[in-house]
Structures are given as C-alpha cells and as structure tokens.
Amino acid sequence: MAADTRWQITGGYIENCNCDVVCPCLFVPAPADVPTQGACEVALGFHVDAGRYGDVALDGLNAAVAFRTPGPMQDGDWTAAFYVDERGNQAQREALEAIVSGKAGGIIGDLMTMVSTVLGVSVVPISWHAEGRRRSMEIPGRMQVGVMGTPGNDPDETIWARNAHPFAPEVAMAVGTEARTWTDYGRSWDNSGKNGHYAAIDWTNA
C-alpha cells in the first residue's frame, strides 16, 4: 500500500479511556493532556459506513486501537495495538491497517508521532453497534468497549462537546458501561464508569 494513496472514510467512532469524567484532554491549554490516573489507557473503535482507499472499498468494515501513555500524552512514549476486521479481503485489511496504524497519514498518522512501541496488528472479528445514546464495539476475548451518552437537561438528549477533540467537530460526552475494556499482549484494563466519547467521523488524508 502506497503511503500517498488517497483515502476517505465516513462513519462512527467510540472511545473509552481511564480518566475520570470529564477527561482533561478536552481542555486547552491547562490541564491539557494530563490523565487523571497518571497514565492514559484508552480503547478506540471505528466503523466505516462508506469509504475508499484508492480503488479499495471499505464500506461496512471496522477497526480498533488500544493506546497507553505512561504519563502526560504530549510527552510521548505511547504503546499501541491495532486491530482490523477479518471480514475484509486482503486488500481491504491492508487498507484498514494503513489507515488505523497511521501509515496512510490523516488524523491517526498525526498521533503516531507519539508512539514508540507497537505491540502488533491483529486481524480479528469486530462487531459494532449503535443505538440511541449507546455505542459499543467488541473483539471477542480482547476488547469490549461500550459507552452511554450523558444526558443534559433534556434526559433524551446527549451533552456534546464542540471544538474540543481532534477526531470530530463535536463529540458526545459519555461514560463507559462495559466491565472489560481491553485484554491482550499480557496486559489488561477496565474502564467501566470512566470517560467516554462517540461521534460521527469524516476523515481523509487529502
């Protein structure tokens, strides 16, 4: 896969980190990027409603990432693990890997400048569910991420943060609902009851 291949995806994303609600990363300049637990442990899931990597269609496929930072995120030294949907053919899996690992540029490519250790890239079954104020993604035996949007004065409406996150113009404020968030490579964490987000995404490397 060529690094300069044009790509674009629209769909949804889910995030659940170990910070207390609300994650300080939403606030700039201070206390920006200072995790409430010292280290940041975050699982991210992505669903492609429609997308292409060059001539390769990516519609309906999923991907996920687990990141850990030992301290303030801007200090770097992140560890990462990447997951791509086994339902894709070889070209689709390679395209998803290029996007989700940052090799193809775009928003994940910007984050990868902070990563010093890549644990691996796994081809796995990934399920995605979105209904109302709930979002969830599961990789059996490895990742189970679920969040519930936090209601505001109107109990049927989620609170949204605008101009606060690099992934989307606005992200839902949410709380983790799953008891097991990530277990792999001899590591594990549980972010239930901790900070979460979800949003519609429209990403490209153009």
N, C-alpha and C. Protein backbone atom coordinates (compact mmCIF):
# COMPACT_ATOMS: atom_id res chain seq x y z
N MET A 1 0.83 -1.19 0.00
CA MET A 1 0.00 0.00 0.00
C MET A 1 0.88 1.25 0.00
N ALA A 2 0.67 2.12 -0.98
CA ALA A 2 1.47 3.32 -1.10
C ALA A 2 1.08 4.34 -0.03
N ALA A 3 2.09 4.99 0.55
CA ALA A 3 1.84 5.95 1.62
C ALA A 3 1.06 7.16 1.12
N ASP A 4 1.14 7.47 -0.18
CA ASP A 4 0.46 8.65 -0.71
C ASP A 4 -0.89 8.32 -1.35
N THR A 5 -1.40 7.11 -1.17
CA THR A 5 -2.70 6.74 -1.71
C THR A 5 -3.79 7.58 -1.07
N ARG A 6 -4.67 8.15 -1.87
CA ARG A 6 -5.76 8.96 -1.34
C ARG A 6 -6.82 8.06 -0.71
N TRP A 7 -7.32 8.46 0.44
CA TRP A 7 -8.38 7.70 1.10
C TRP A 7 -9.33 8.64 1.81
N GLN A 8 -10.53 8.13 2.06
CA GLN A 8 -11.55 8.91 2.77
C GLN A 8 -12.56 7.94 3.37
N ILE A 9 -12.94 8.17 4.62
CA ILE A 9 -13.95 7.34 5.27
C ILE A 9 -14.94 8.21 6.02
N THR A 10 -16.20 7.79 6.03
CA THR A 10 -17.21 8.38 6.90
C THR A 10 -17.81 7.25 7.72
N GLY A 11 -18.21 7.55 8.93
CA GLY A 11 -18.76 6.52 9.78
C GLY A 11 -18.87 6.99 11.21
N GLY A 12 -18.49 6.12 12.15
CA GLY A 12 -18.59 6.45 13.56
C GLY A 12 -17.39 5.98 14.34
N TYR A 13 -17.19 6.60 15.50
CA TYR A 13 -16.09 6.19 16.37
C TYR A 13 -16.58 6.16 17.81
N ILE A 14 -15.91 5.34 18.61
CA ILE A 14 -16.20 5.20 20.04
C ILE A 14 -14.87 5.25 20.78
N GLU A 15 -14.89 5.81 21.98
CA GLU A 15 -13.68 5.94 22.79
C GLU A 15 -14.03 5.74 24.26
N ASN A 16 -13.17 5.03 24.97
CA ASN A 16 -13.34 4.85 26.41
C ASN A 16 -11.96 4.83 27.05
N CYS A 17 -11.65 5.87 27.82
CA CYS A 17 -10.35 5.96 28.47
C CYS A 17 -10.51 5.78 29.98
N ASN A 18 -9.38 5.77 30.69
CA ASN A 18 -9.41 5.53 32.13
C ASN A 18 -9.49 6.81 32.95
N CYS A 19 -9.67 7.95 32.29
CA CYS A 19 -9.80 9.20 33.03
C CYS A 19 -11.16 9.29 33.72
N ASP A 20 -11.18 9.98 34.85
CA ASP A 20 -12.45 10.33 35.45
C ASP A 20 -13.19 11.26 34.49
N VAL A 21 -14.50 11.25 34.56
CA VAL A 21 -15.30 12.14 33.73
C VAL A 21 -15.22 13.56 34.33
N VAL A 22 -14.78 14.58 33.62
CA VAL A 22 -14.53 14.63 32.19
C VAL A 22 -13.02 14.58 31.95
N CYS A 23 -12.60 13.90 30.88
CA CYS A 23 -11.18 13.80 30.54
C CYS A 23 -10.57 15.18 30.33
N PRO A 24 -9.43 15.49 30.98
CA PRO A 24 -8.82 16.81 30.83
C PRO A 24 -8.30 17.11 29.43
N CYS A 25 -8.18 16.10 28.57
CA CYS A 25 -7.70 16.36 27.21
C CYS A 25 -8.64 17.26 26.42
N LEU A 26 -9.88 17.41 26.88
CA LEU A 26 -10.81 18.28 26.18
C LEU A 26 -10.55 19.75 26.46
N PHE A 27 -9.67 20.05 27.41
CA PHE A 27 -9.46 21.44 27.81
C PHE A 27 -8.03 21.88 27.49
N VAL A 28 -7.92 23.00 26.82
CA VAL A 28 -6.63 23.53 26.42
C VAL A 28 -6.56 25.00 26.89
N PRO A 29 -5.40 25.52 27.39
CA PRO A 29 -4.12 24.82 27.47
C PRO A 29 -3.94 23.98 28.73
N ALA A 30 -4.50 24.35 29.86
CA ALA A 30 -4.26 23.59 31.07
C ALA A 30 -5.59 23.14 31.65
N PRO A 31 -5.66 21.90 32.13
CA PRO A 31 -4.58 20.91 32.28
C PRO A 31 -4.52 19.93 31.12
N ALA A 32 -4.32 20.42 29.92
CA ALA A 32 -4.39 19.59 28.71
C ALA A 32 -3.48 18.38 28.80
N ASP A 33 -4.03 17.24 28.36
CA ASP A 33 -3.27 16.01 28.18
C ASP A 33 -2.66 15.47 29.46
N VAL A 34 -3.19 15.81 30.62
CA VAL A 34 -2.70 15.26 31.87
C VAL A 34 -3.74 14.26 32.37
N PRO A 35 -3.52 12.96 32.18
CA PRO A 35 -4.52 11.96 32.56
C PRO A 35 -4.81 11.99 34.06
N THR A 36 -6.06 11.80 34.43
CA THR A 36 -6.43 11.87 35.84
C THR A 36 -5.87 10.71 36.65
N GLN A 37 -5.47 9.61 35.97
CA GLN A 37 -4.90 8.46 36.67
C GLN A 37 -3.39 8.37 36.52
N GLY A 38 -2.77 9.43 35.99
CA GLY A 38 -1.33 9.41 35.77
C GLY A 38 -0.99 8.93 34.38
N ALA A 39 -1.33 7.68 34.07
CA ALA A 39 -1.18 7.13 32.73
C ALA A 39 -2.53 7.19 32.01
N CYS A 40 -2.48 7.19 30.69
CA CYS A 40 -3.70 7.12 29.89
C CYS A 40 -3.81 5.73 29.27
N GLU A 41 -4.96 5.09 29.47
CA GLU A 41 -5.26 3.79 28.85
C GLU A 41 -6.58 3.94 28.12
N VAL A 42 -6.55 3.86 26.80
CA VAL A 42 -7.73 4.19 26.01
C VAL A 42 -7.93 3.18 24.90
N ALA A 43 -9.17 2.77 24.70
CA ALA A 43 -9.56 1.92 23.58
C ALA A 43 -10.43 2.73 22.64
N LEU A 44 -10.14 2.62 21.34
CA LEU A 44 -10.86 3.35 20.30
C LEU A 44 -11.40 2.37 19.28
N GLY A 45 -12.63 2.57 18.84
CA GLY A 45 -13.21 1.75 17.79
C GLY A 45 -13.74 2.61 16.67
N PHE A 46 -13.67 2.09 15.44
CA PHE A 46 -14.09 2.84 14.26
C PHE A 46 -14.95 1.96 13.36
N HIS A 47 -16.04 2.52 12.88
CA HIS A 47 -16.92 1.83 11.93
C HIS A 47 -17.00 2.66 10.66
N VAL A 48 -16.79 2.01 9.52
CA VAL A 48 -16.84 2.69 8.23
C VAL A 48 -18.22 2.49 7.61
N ASP A 49 -18.99 3.55 7.51
CA ASP A 49 -20.25 3.48 6.76
C ASP A 49 -19.95 3.44 5.26
N ALA A 50 -19.08 4.34 4.84
CA ALA A 50 -18.68 4.40 3.44
C ALA A 50 -17.24 4.89 3.38
N GLY A 51 -16.43 4.27 2.54
CA GLY A 51 -15.05 4.71 2.44
C GLY A 51 -14.29 4.00 1.33
N ARG A 52 -13.19 4.64 0.93
CA ARG A 52 -12.32 4.06 -0.10
C ARG A 52 -10.88 4.37 0.24
N TYR A 53 -10.02 3.42 -0.08
CA TYR A 53 -8.58 3.61 -0.02
C TYR A 53 -8.09 3.38 -1.44
N GLY A 54 -7.84 4.45 -2.16
CA GLY A 54 -7.60 4.30 -3.59
C GLY A 54 -8.83 3.71 -4.25
N ASP A 55 -8.68 2.56 -4.88
CA ASP A 55 -9.80 1.88 -5.52
C ASP A 55 -10.43 0.80 -4.63
N VAL A 56 -9.98 0.69 -3.39
CA VAL A 56 -10.46 -0.36 -2.49
C VAL A 56 -11.61 0.16 -1.65
N ALA A 57 -12.79 -0.44 -1.77
CA ALA A 57 -13.95 -0.06 -0.97
C ALA A 57 -13.83 -0.61 0.44
N LEU A 58 -14.23 0.19 1.43
CA LEU A 58 -14.12 -0.19 2.83
C LEU A 58 -15.47 -0.18 3.55
N ASP A 59 -16.56 -0.06 2.80
CA ASP A 59 -17.89 0.08 3.38
C ASP A 59 -18.21 -1.07 4.33
N GLY A 60 -18.71 -0.72 5.53
CA GLY A 60 -19.20 -1.70 6.48
C GLY A 60 -18.15 -2.35 7.36
N LEU A 61 -16.88 -2.01 7.18
CA LEU A 61 -15.81 -2.65 7.95
C LEU A 61 -15.48 -1.88 9.23
N ASN A 62 -14.79 -2.54 10.13
CA ASN A 62 -14.46 -1.97 11.45
C ASN A 62 -12.96 -2.06 11.73
N ALA A 63 -12.51 -1.24 12.65
CA ALA A 63 -11.12 -1.29 13.11
C ALA A 63 -11.08 -0.77 14.54
N ALA A 64 -9.99 -1.05 15.24
CA ALA A 64 -9.87 -0.62 16.63
C ALA A 64 -8.40 -0.40 16.98
N VAL A 65 -8.19 0.38 18.04
CA VAL A 65 -6.85 0.69 18.53
C VAL A 65 -6.89 0.70 20.05
N ALA A 66 -5.82 0.23 20.67
CA ALA A 66 -5.61 0.41 22.11
C ALA A 66 -4.31 1.19 22.27
N PHE A 67 -4.37 2.31 22.98
CA PHE A 67 -3.20 3.14 23.26
C PHE A 67 -2.96 3.19 24.77
N ARG A 68 -1.68 3.24 25.15
CA ARG A 68 -1.33 3.54 26.54
C ARG A 68 -0.19 4.54 26.57
N THR A 69 -0.34 5.58 27.38
CA THR A 69 0.74 6.54 27.58
C THR A 69 1.14 6.48 29.05
N PRO A 70 2.44 6.48 29.35
CA PRO A 70 2.87 6.35 30.74
C PRO A 70 2.67 7.61 31.57
N GLY A 71 2.42 8.73 30.92
CA GLY A 71 2.24 10.00 31.62
C GLY A 71 1.48 10.96 30.73
N PRO A 72 1.73 12.25 30.89
CA PRO A 72 1.07 13.23 30.03
C PRO A 72 1.20 12.86 28.56
N MET A 73 0.11 12.94 27.81
CA MET A 73 0.11 12.45 26.45
C MET A 73 1.11 13.16 25.56
N GLN A 74 1.31 14.47 25.80
CA GLN A 74 2.24 15.21 24.96
C GLN A 74 3.69 14.81 25.16
N ASP A 75 3.97 14.03 26.22
CA ASP A 75 5.34 13.57 26.47
C ASP A 75 5.71 12.36 25.63
N GLY A 76 4.74 11.77 24.92
CA GLY A 76 5.04 10.67 24.02
C GLY A 76 5.27 9.35 24.74
N ASP A 77 6.04 8.47 24.10
CA ASP A 77 6.33 7.12 24.60
C ASP A 77 5.07 6.27 24.69
N TRP A 78 4.14 6.45 23.73
CA TRP A 78 2.91 5.67 23.72
C TRP A 78 3.19 4.24 23.28
N THR A 79 2.35 3.33 23.76
CA THR A 79 2.29 1.95 23.29
C THR A 79 0.97 1.75 22.56
N ALA A 80 0.99 1.00 21.44
CA ALA A 80 -0.21 0.86 20.63
C ALA A 80 -0.40 -0.59 20.17
N ALA A 81 -1.65 -0.98 20.05
CA ALA A 81 -2.04 -2.25 19.43
C ALA A 81 -3.17 -1.96 18.47
N PHE A 82 -3.12 -2.55 17.26
CA PHE A 82 -4.08 -2.26 16.21
C PHE A 82 -4.85 -3.52 15.82
N TYR A 83 -6.11 -3.33 15.42
CA TYR A 83 -6.98 -4.44 15.06
C TYR A 83 -7.77 -4.08 13.80
N VAL A 84 -7.84 -5.02 12.86
CA VAL A 84 -8.60 -4.79 11.63
C VAL A 84 -9.59 -5.94 11.42
N ASP A 85 -10.66 -5.64 10.73
CA ASP A 85 -11.80 -6.53 10.56
C ASP A 85 -11.47 -7.73 9.69
N GLU A 86 -11.69 -8.92 10.22
CA GLU A 86 -11.39 -10.14 9.46
C GLU A 86 -12.33 -10.34 8.27
N ARG A 87 -13.46 -9.63 8.23
CA ARG A 87 -14.40 -9.79 7.11
C ARG A 87 -13.87 -9.20 5.81
N GLY A 88 -12.86 -8.32 5.90
CA GLY A 88 -12.29 -7.75 4.70
C GLY A 88 -11.41 -8.73 3.96
N ASN A 89 -11.31 -8.54 2.64
CA ASN A 89 -10.34 -9.33 1.88
C ASN A 89 -8.95 -8.77 2.14
N GLN A 90 -7.94 -9.36 1.52
CA GLN A 90 -6.56 -8.96 1.83
C GLN A 90 -6.34 -7.48 1.54
N ALA A 91 -6.82 -6.99 0.41
CA ALA A 91 -6.63 -5.58 0.05
C ALA A 91 -7.34 -4.67 1.05
N GLN A 92 -8.53 -5.05 1.49
CA GLN A 92 -9.25 -4.24 2.45
C GLN A 92 -8.58 -4.24 3.81
N ARG A 93 -8.09 -5.41 4.23
CA ARG A 93 -7.39 -5.47 5.51
C ARG A 93 -6.12 -4.64 5.49
N GLU A 94 -5.40 -4.69 4.39
CA GLU A 94 -4.18 -3.89 4.29
C GLU A 94 -4.51 -2.40 4.29
N ALA A 95 -5.61 -2.03 3.65
CA ALA A 95 -6.02 -0.62 3.63
C ALA A 95 -6.41 -0.15 5.03
N LEU A 96 -7.21 -0.96 5.74
CA LEU A 96 -7.59 -0.61 7.10
C LEU A 96 -6.37 -0.48 8.01
N GLU A 97 -5.43 -1.43 7.86
CA GLU A 97 -4.22 -1.36 8.66
C GLU A 97 -3.46 -0.07 8.39
N ALA A 98 -3.34 0.30 7.10
CA ALA A 98 -2.62 1.53 6.75
C ALA A 98 -3.27 2.75 7.40
N ILE A 99 -4.60 2.78 7.41
CA ILE A 99 -5.31 3.93 7.98
C ILE A 99 -5.23 3.94 9.50
N VAL A 100 -5.57 2.81 10.13
CA VAL A 100 -5.67 2.78 11.58
C VAL A 100 -4.30 2.83 12.26
N SER A 101 -3.25 2.41 11.57
CA SER A 101 -1.91 2.47 12.15
C SER A 101 -1.20 3.78 11.84
N GLY A 102 -1.85 4.63 11.04
CA GLY A 102 -1.27 5.93 10.72
C GLY A 102 -0.31 5.93 9.56
N LYS A 103 -0.03 4.75 8.97
CA LYS A 103 0.90 4.71 7.85
C LYS A 103 0.39 5.47 6.64
N ALA A 104 -0.94 5.60 6.55
CA ALA A 104 -1.55 6.29 5.40
C ALA A 104 -1.80 7.77 5.68
N GLY A 105 -1.26 8.29 6.78
CA GLY A 105 -1.46 9.70 7.10
C GLY A 105 -2.81 9.95 7.74
N GLY A 106 -3.26 11.20 7.71
CA GLY A 106 -4.52 11.54 8.34
C GLY A 106 -4.38 11.71 9.85
N ILE A 107 -5.51 11.70 10.55
CA ILE A 107 -5.51 12.01 11.97
C ILE A 107 -4.73 10.99 12.79
N ILE A 108 -4.83 9.70 12.46
CA ILE A 108 -4.06 8.70 13.21
C ILE A 108 -2.57 8.85 12.92
N GLY A 109 -2.25 9.23 11.69
CA GLY A 109 -0.85 9.48 11.35
C GLY A 109 -0.25 10.56 12.23
N ASP A 110 -1.03 11.59 12.54
CA ASP A 110 -0.54 12.64 13.43
C ASP A 110 -0.27 12.09 14.83
N LEU A 111 -1.14 11.22 15.32
CA LEU A 111 -0.95 10.65 16.65
C LEU A 111 0.25 9.71 16.72
N MET A 112 0.55 9.04 15.61
CA MET A 112 1.61 8.04 15.62
C MET A 112 2.99 8.63 15.85
N THR A 113 3.14 9.93 15.72
CA THR A 113 4.41 10.56 16.06
C THR A 113 4.72 10.42 17.54
N MET A 114 3.69 10.10 18.34
CA MET A 114 3.87 9.96 19.79
C MET A 114 4.10 8.51 20.21
N VAL A 115 3.98 7.56 19.28
CA VAL A 115 4.06 6.13 19.61
C VAL A 115 5.49 5.64 19.49
N SER A 116 5.98 4.98 20.51
CA SER A 116 7.33 4.40 20.48
C SER A 116 7.31 2.88 20.41
N THR A 117 6.20 2.25 20.81
CA THR A 117 6.11 0.79 20.82
C THR A 117 4.81 0.35 20.18
N VAL A 118 4.90 -0.50 19.15
CA VAL A 118 3.72 -1.11 18.53
C VAL A 118 3.71 -2.58 18.91
N LEU A 119 2.70 -3.00 19.63
CA LEU A 119 2.61 -4.39 20.08
C LEU A 119 2.26 -5.33 18.93
N GLY A 120 1.50 -4.85 17.96
CA GLY A 120 1.15 -5.69 16.83
C GLY A 120 -0.10 -5.20 16.12
N VAL A 121 -0.37 -5.84 14.99
CA VAL A 121 -1.59 -5.61 14.21
C VAL A 121 -2.28 -6.96 14.07
N SER A 122 -3.53 -7.06 14.52
CA SER A 122 -4.25 -8.33 14.52
C SER A 122 -5.46 -8.26 13.60
N VAL A 123 -5.69 -9.34 12.87
CA VAL A 123 -6.90 -9.49 12.05
C VAL A 123 -7.89 -10.30 12.88
N VAL A 124 -9.02 -9.68 13.22
CA VAL A 124 -9.93 -10.27 14.21
C VAL A 124 -11.38 -9.99 13.83
N PRO A 125 -12.33 -10.75 14.42
CA PRO A 125 -13.74 -10.38 14.26
C PRO A 125 -14.04 -9.15 15.12
N ILE A 126 -14.68 -8.16 14.52
CA ILE A 126 -15.03 -6.93 15.24
C ILE A 126 -16.50 -6.62 14.97
N SER A 127 -17.27 -6.49 16.04
CA SER A 127 -18.68 -6.12 15.89
C SER A 127 -18.90 -4.70 16.38
N TRP A 128 -19.81 -4.00 15.71
CA TRP A 128 -20.12 -2.60 16.03
C TRP A 128 -21.63 -2.46 16.19
N HIS A 129 -22.03 -1.71 17.25
CA HIS A 129 -23.45 -1.47 17.47
C HIS A 129 -23.66 -0.01 17.86
N ALA A 130 -24.68 0.62 17.28
CA ALA A 130 -25.05 1.99 17.62
C ALA A 130 -26.56 2.07 17.69
N GLU A 131 -27.06 2.50 18.84
CA GLU A 131 -28.50 2.65 19.02
C GLU A 131 -28.75 3.73 20.06
N GLY A 132 -29.47 4.77 19.66
CA GLY A 132 -29.76 5.85 20.59
C GLY A 132 -28.50 6.47 21.14
N ARG A 133 -28.41 6.53 22.47
CA ARG A 133 -27.23 7.10 23.13
C ARG A 133 -26.18 6.05 23.47
N ARG A 134 -26.32 4.84 22.97
CA ARG A 134 -25.37 3.77 23.24
C ARG A 134 -24.51 3.48 22.01
N ARG A 135 -23.23 3.22 22.27
CA ARG A 135 -22.31 2.74 21.24
C ARG A 135 -21.49 1.61 21.85
N SER A 136 -21.19 0.60 21.06
CA SER A 136 -20.34 -0.47 21.56
C SER A 136 -19.59 -1.13 20.42
N MET A 137 -18.45 -1.70 20.77
CA MET A 137 -17.63 -2.46 19.83
C MET A 137 -17.00 -3.61 20.60
N GLU A 138 -16.94 -4.78 19.95
CA GLU A 138 -16.38 -5.95 20.64
C GLU A 138 -15.45 -6.73 19.73
N ILE A 139 -14.31 -7.11 20.29
CA ILE A 139 -13.40 -8.09 19.71
C ILE A 139 -13.37 -9.24 20.71
N PRO A 140 -14.00 -10.37 20.40
CA PRO A 140 -14.15 -11.43 21.40
C PRO A 140 -12.83 -11.79 22.09
N GLY A 141 -12.87 -11.76 23.42
CA GLY A 141 -11.72 -12.14 24.22
C GLY A 141 -10.64 -11.08 24.33
N ARG A 142 -10.79 -9.96 23.61
CA ARG A 142 -9.73 -8.94 23.63
C ARG A 142 -10.23 -7.54 23.99
N MET A 143 -11.32 -7.11 23.38
CA MET A 143 -11.80 -5.75 23.60
C MET A 143 -13.32 -5.74 23.66
N GLN A 144 -13.84 -5.09 24.69
CA GLN A 144 -15.27 -4.91 24.82
C GLN A 144 -15.50 -3.49 25.30
N VAL A 145 -15.80 -2.61 24.36
CA VAL A 145 -15.93 -1.19 24.65
C VAL A 145 -17.40 -0.80 24.49
N GLY A 146 -17.96 -0.22 25.52
CA GLY A 146 -19.32 0.27 25.44
C GLY A 146 -19.43 1.58 26.19
N VAL A 147 -20.14 2.55 25.63
CA VAL A 147 -20.35 3.82 26.31
C VAL A 147 -21.81 4.24 26.17
N MET A 148 -22.25 5.04 27.12
CA MET A 148 -23.60 5.59 27.12
C MET A 148 -23.49 7.10 27.18
N GLY A 149 -24.12 7.77 26.20
CA GLY A 149 -24.10 9.23 26.17
C GLY A 149 -24.72 9.81 27.43
N THR A 150 -24.10 10.87 27.95
CA THR A 150 -24.56 11.52 29.17
C THR A 150 -25.67 12.51 28.85
N PRO A 151 -26.85 12.38 29.47
CA PRO A 151 -27.94 13.31 29.17
C PRO A 151 -27.75 14.65 29.85
N GLY A 152 -28.34 15.67 29.25
CA GLY A 152 -28.33 17.01 29.84
C GLY A 152 -29.67 17.32 30.48
N ASN A 153 -30.10 18.59 30.40
CA ASN A 153 -31.38 18.98 30.97
C ASN A 153 -32.53 18.19 30.35
N ASP A 154 -32.42 17.93 29.06
CA ASP A 154 -33.37 17.05 28.39
C ASP A 154 -32.84 15.63 28.52
N PRO A 155 -33.49 14.76 29.26
CA PRO A 155 -32.95 13.42 29.50
C PRO A 155 -32.85 12.56 28.26
N ASP A 156 -33.47 12.99 27.18
CA ASP A 156 -33.40 12.23 25.93
C ASP A 156 -32.29 12.73 25.00
N GLU A 157 -31.57 13.78 25.42
CA GLU A 157 -30.53 14.36 24.59
C GLU A 157 -29.17 14.27 25.26
N THR A 158 -28.17 13.87 24.49
CA THR A 158 -26.80 13.75 24.99
C THR A 158 -26.13 15.12 25.03
N ILE A 159 -25.24 15.31 25.99
CA ILE A 159 -24.40 16.50 26.03
C ILE A 159 -23.28 16.33 25.00
N TRP A 160 -23.03 17.37 24.20
CA TRP A 160 -22.00 17.33 23.17
C TRP A 160 -20.93 18.39 23.45
N ALA A 161 -19.69 18.02 23.21
CA ALA A 161 -18.57 18.96 23.33
C ALA A 161 -18.12 19.37 21.93
N ARG A 162 -18.07 20.64 21.67
CA ARG A 162 -17.67 21.15 20.36
C ARG A 162 -16.31 21.84 20.46
N ASN A 163 -15.56 21.79 19.36
CA ASN A 163 -14.25 22.43 19.31
C ASN A 163 -13.34 21.90 20.42
N ALA A 164 -13.39 20.57 20.65
CA ALA A 164 -12.68 20.02 21.80
C ALA A 164 -11.86 18.78 21.49
N HIS A 165 -12.05 18.16 20.33
CA HIS A 165 -11.44 16.85 20.07
C HIS A 165 -10.93 16.80 18.63
N PRO A 166 -9.75 16.20 18.39
CA PRO A 166 -9.22 16.18 17.02
C PRO A 166 -9.99 15.26 16.06
N PHE A 167 -10.77 14.31 16.58
CA PHE A 167 -11.40 13.33 15.70
C PHE A 167 -12.64 13.85 14.99
N ALA A 168 -13.33 14.83 15.60
CA ALA A 168 -14.59 15.29 15.02
C ALA A 168 -14.90 16.69 15.55
N PRO A 169 -15.70 17.47 14.79
CA PRO A 169 -16.06 18.82 15.24
C PRO A 169 -16.82 18.82 16.56
N GLU A 170 -17.58 17.75 16.84
CA GLU A 170 -18.25 17.62 18.12
C GLU A 170 -18.26 16.15 18.52
N VAL A 171 -18.10 15.91 19.82
CA VAL A 171 -18.11 14.56 20.35
C VAL A 171 -19.09 14.47 21.50
N ALA A 172 -19.78 13.33 21.60
CA ALA A 172 -20.71 13.11 22.70
C ALA A 172 -19.94 12.87 23.99
N MET A 173 -20.43 13.44 25.06
CA MET A 173 -19.92 13.13 26.38
C MET A 173 -20.58 11.83 26.83
N ALA A 174 -19.78 10.87 27.29
CA ALA A 174 -20.32 9.55 27.59
C ALA A 174 -19.53 8.91 28.73
N VAL A 175 -20.06 7.79 29.22
CA VAL A 175 -19.45 7.05 30.33
C VAL A 175 -19.34 5.58 29.93
N GLY A 176 -18.22 4.95 30.24
CA GLY A 176 -18.01 3.55 29.92
C GLY A 176 -18.99 2.65 30.66
N THR A 177 -19.51 1.65 29.94
CA THR A 177 -20.51 0.76 30.53
C THR A 177 -20.05 -0.70 30.62
N GLU A 178 -18.93 -1.04 30.02
CA GLU A 178 -18.51 -2.44 29.97
C GLU A 178 -17.51 -2.75 31.09
N ALA A 179 -17.58 -3.97 31.61
CA ALA A 179 -16.71 -4.37 32.73
C ALA A 179 -15.31 -4.75 32.26
N ARG A 180 -15.16 -5.13 31.00
CA ARG A 180 -13.84 -5.47 30.48
C ARG A 180 -13.59 -4.65 29.23
N THR A 181 -12.59 -3.79 29.25
CA THR A 181 -12.35 -2.92 28.11
C THR A 181 -11.30 -3.50 27.17
N TRP A 182 -10.14 -3.92 27.69
CA TRP A 182 -9.08 -4.42 26.80
C TRP A 182 -8.22 -5.44 27.54
N THR A 183 -7.98 -6.58 26.89
CA THR A 183 -7.09 -7.61 27.41
C THR A 183 -6.34 -8.22 26.24
N ASP A 184 -5.02 -8.01 26.20
CA ASP A 184 -4.20 -8.57 25.11
C ASP A 184 -2.73 -8.33 25.44
N TYR A 185 -1.87 -9.11 24.81
CA TYR A 185 -0.42 -8.96 24.96
C TYR A 185 0.00 -8.99 26.44
N GLY A 186 -0.71 -9.76 27.26
CA GLY A 186 -0.38 -9.85 28.66
C GLY A 186 -0.73 -8.62 29.47
N ARG A 187 -1.57 -7.74 28.89
CA ARG A 187 -1.96 -6.51 29.55
C ARG A 187 -3.48 -6.44 29.61
N SER A 188 -4.00 -5.66 30.56
CA SER A 188 -5.46 -5.59 30.70
C SER A 188 -5.84 -4.31 31.42
N TRP A 189 -7.02 -3.76 31.04
CA TRP A 189 -7.58 -2.67 31.82
C TRP A 189 -9.10 -2.67 31.70
N ASP A 190 -9.73 -2.03 32.69
CA ASP A 190 -11.18 -1.95 32.79
C ASP A 190 -11.55 -0.48 32.98
N ASN A 191 -12.24 0.08 31.99
CA ASN A 191 -12.59 1.50 32.04
C ASN A 191 -14.09 1.72 32.27
N SER A 192 -14.76 0.74 32.82
CA SER A 192 -16.18 0.94 33.12
C SER A 192 -16.34 2.09 34.12
N GLY A 193 -17.34 2.92 33.88
CA GLY A 193 -17.58 4.08 34.74
C GLY A 193 -16.65 5.24 34.48
N LYS A 194 -15.76 5.10 33.50
CA LYS A 194 -14.80 6.15 33.19
C LYS A 194 -15.22 6.94 31.94
N ASN A 195 -14.38 7.87 31.55
CA ASN A 195 -14.71 8.81 30.47
C ASN A 195 -14.90 8.11 29.12
N GLY A 196 -15.89 8.57 28.38
CA GLY A 196 -16.13 8.03 27.04
C GLY A 196 -16.60 9.11 26.08
N HIS A 197 -16.49 8.81 24.79
CA HIS A 197 -17.00 9.70 23.74
C HIS A 197 -17.47 8.85 22.57
N TYR A 198 -18.31 9.44 21.73
CA TYR A 198 -18.58 8.88 20.41
C TYR A 198 -18.94 10.03 19.49
N ALA A 199 -18.81 9.78 18.19
CA ALA A 199 -19.06 10.84 17.23
C ALA A 199 -19.16 10.26 15.83
N ALA A 200 -19.75 11.02 14.95
CA ALA A 200 -19.64 10.73 13.52
C ALA A 200 -18.30 11.25 13.04
N ILE A 201 -17.65 10.50 12.14
CA ILE A 201 -16.35 10.93 11.63
C ILE A 201 -16.40 11.07 10.11
N ASP A 202 -15.56 11.94 9.61
CA ASP A 202 -15.36 12.15 8.18
C ASP A 202 -13.89 12.45 8.00
N TRP A 203 -13.12 11.42 7.70
CA TRP A 203 -11.66 11.51 7.68
C TRP A 203 -11.11 11.34 6.27
N THR A 204 -10.01 12.00 6.02
CA THR A 204 -9.32 11.87 4.75
C THR A 204 -7.86 12.23 4.94
N ASN A 205 -7.01 11.82 4.03
CA ASN A 205 -5.61 12.25 4.04
C ASN A 205 -5.37 13.31 2.99
N ALA A 206 -6.43 13.85 2.39
CA ALA A 206 -6.27 14.86 1.34
C ALA A 206 -5.77 16.17 1.94
